[in-house]
Protein backbone atom coordinates (compact mmCIF):
# COMPACT_ATOMS: atom_id res chain seq x y z
CA MET A 1 -13.22 -22.20 1.22
CA ALA A 2 -13.00 -23.87 -2.16
CA GLY A 3 -16.32 -23.53 -3.98
CA ALA A 4 -19.15 -22.33 -1.81
CA MET A 5 -18.53 -20.15 1.21
CA PRO A 6 -19.56 -21.75 4.52
CA ALA A 7 -23.04 -20.59 5.55
CA HIS A 8 -21.89 -18.98 8.80
CA LEU A 9 -19.30 -16.83 6.99
CA GLN A 10 -21.78 -15.81 4.31
CA ALA A 11 -24.27 -14.89 7.04
CA TYR A 12 -21.64 -12.71 8.73
CA TRP A 13 -20.51 -10.88 5.57
CA LEU A 14 -24.11 -10.28 4.48
CA GLY A 15 -25.21 -9.32 8.02
CA LYS A 16 -23.01 -7.69 10.64
CA GLY A 17 -20.05 -7.63 8.27
CA LEU A 18 -21.85 -5.41 5.74
CA ALA A 19 -20.77 -2.31 7.65
CA ARG A 20 -17.16 -3.16 6.81
CA TRP A 21 -17.66 -2.95 3.06
CA ALA A 22 -21.12 -2.32 1.59
CA THR A 23 -21.39 1.36 2.45
CA THR A 24 -17.90 2.39 1.30
CA PRO A 25 -17.27 4.33 -1.93
CA THR A 26 -15.68 1.19 -3.44
CA PRO A 27 -17.50 -1.74 -1.83
CA TYR A 28 -15.93 -4.52 -3.90
CA ARG A 29 -12.39 -3.34 -3.16
CA SER A 30 -13.28 -2.86 0.49
CA LEU A 31 -14.70 -6.37 0.67
CA VAL A 32 -11.62 -7.87 -0.95
CA ALA A 33 -9.41 -6.05 1.57
CA ALA A 34 -11.57 -7.14 4.52
CA LEU A 35 -11.60 -10.77 3.36
CA LEU A 36 -7.82 -10.73 2.96
CA ASP A 37 -7.51 -9.23 6.46
CA GLU A 38 -9.55 -12.17 7.77
CA GLY A 39 -7.30 -14.74 6.12
CA VAL A 40 -9.16 -15.66 2.94
CA PRO A 41 -6.48 -17.03 0.58
CA ALA A 42 -5.46 -14.66 -2.21
CA ASN A 43 -6.34 -17.25 -4.85
CA GLN A 44 -9.94 -17.39 -3.56
CA VAL A 45 -10.66 -13.86 -2.43
CA HIS A 46 -11.93 -12.37 -5.69
CA GLY A 47 -14.41 -15.18 -6.32
CA ALA A 48 -15.70 -15.01 -2.74
CA ALA A 49 -15.97 -11.22 -2.89
CA ALA A 50 -17.77 -11.28 -6.24
CA ARG A 51 -20.34 -13.79 -4.98
CA LEU A 52 -20.99 -11.81 -1.78
CA TYR A 53 -21.22 -8.55 -3.73
CA HIS A 54 -23.71 -10.12 -6.15
CA LYS A 55 -25.85 -11.57 -3.35
CA HIS A 56 -26.04 -8.17 -1.63
CA PHE A 57 -26.38 -5.76 -4.56
CA GLY A 58 -28.06 -8.05 -7.11
CA ARG A 59 -25.43 -7.30 -9.75
CA TRP A 60 -21.88 -8.39 -10.37
CA PRO A 61 -18.97 -6.09 -9.50
CA GLY A 62 -18.22 -3.56 -12.20
CA LYS A 63 -21.81 -3.48 -13.48
CA HIS A 64 -23.42 -0.07 -13.10
CA ASP A 65 -26.67 1.58 -14.22
CA GLY A 66 -28.01 -1.52 -15.97
CA ALA A 67 -25.11 -1.67 -18.40
CA PRO A 68 -23.55 -5.08 -18.96
CA SER A 69 -20.38 -5.73 -17.01
CA ALA A 70 -17.11 -6.31 -18.84
CA GLY A 71 -17.52 -10.04 -18.29
CA GLU A 72 -21.04 -9.99 -19.71
CA GLN A 73 -19.82 -8.05 -22.75
CA ILE A 74 -17.13 -10.65 -23.40
CA ALA A 75 -19.61 -13.50 -22.94
CA ALA A 76 -22.06 -11.82 -25.33
CA ARG A 77 -19.38 -11.53 -28.01
CA HIS A 78 -18.90 -15.28 -27.71
CA GLY A 79 -22.64 -16.01 -27.73
CA LYS A 80 -22.86 -16.90 -24.05
CA GLY A 81 -24.87 -14.10 -22.50
CA ARG A 82 -26.88 -10.98 -23.01
CA ALA A 83 -25.55 -8.19 -25.23
């Protein structure tokens, strides 16, 4: 699963698999746990989860109410993103 997630797995996690994570109180954590349960390697799980979360919610994990995420704040301090 290095790089892009195979299309059939992305289709599952953004389709039928949504019920396993997207409606929970902590969807990112739930998705990470579900991906680990399904055998996604620990060194790839957070990247895969972040991309799926972003595709579904339209924002990166940790970003709430239009405020920049921690990563965006760091990037902005280094001139690489929005403030």
